[in-house]
Amino acid sequence: PLERLGCHPCHLQSCHWRMEELYPVLGRAAGDRQSAAMAAAQGGGMRWSAGNFLAYSYSFSANLQALAQANNPQAFNPMQHVDQMKWLQALQANPDPNSCYPEAMVGLPALEQRLQQQQKAVEDLG
């Protein structure tokens, strides 16, 4: 039966091992923050791609205490911010630290969700 699937029995172990390597990448693409945080911690200078997508967007808040806490470089949390270097870059690129804070988007579903939120906000204004 394995031959019908194009997989030779002696290659089965290699195929299985390669699939196990892909699971964390698939998890990051699906938005699994734990897989992304572990990859960032292990890879230091790893290259991000569509398979392990990480981006930051900015949200507004009128709560000055929450803004001060969210924009504090010492408050890095790998489960929330994922990659410390990219999070620090997001803090530096913050267009208005007095009214907005960076939020990590892990995986393409998070990007799609953010886009839908922004579209709804525009519709609500118009």
Foldseek 3Di string as FASTA:
>chain_A
DCVVVVHDVVCVVVVVVVVVVLVLLQCQQAFNLVSLLVCLVVPVPDDDDNSRDKDKDKDWDPDQVVLCQQLDLVNDDCSWRVHSVRLVVQSVVPPDSRTIHIGMGTHPVSVVVVVVVVVVVVVVVD
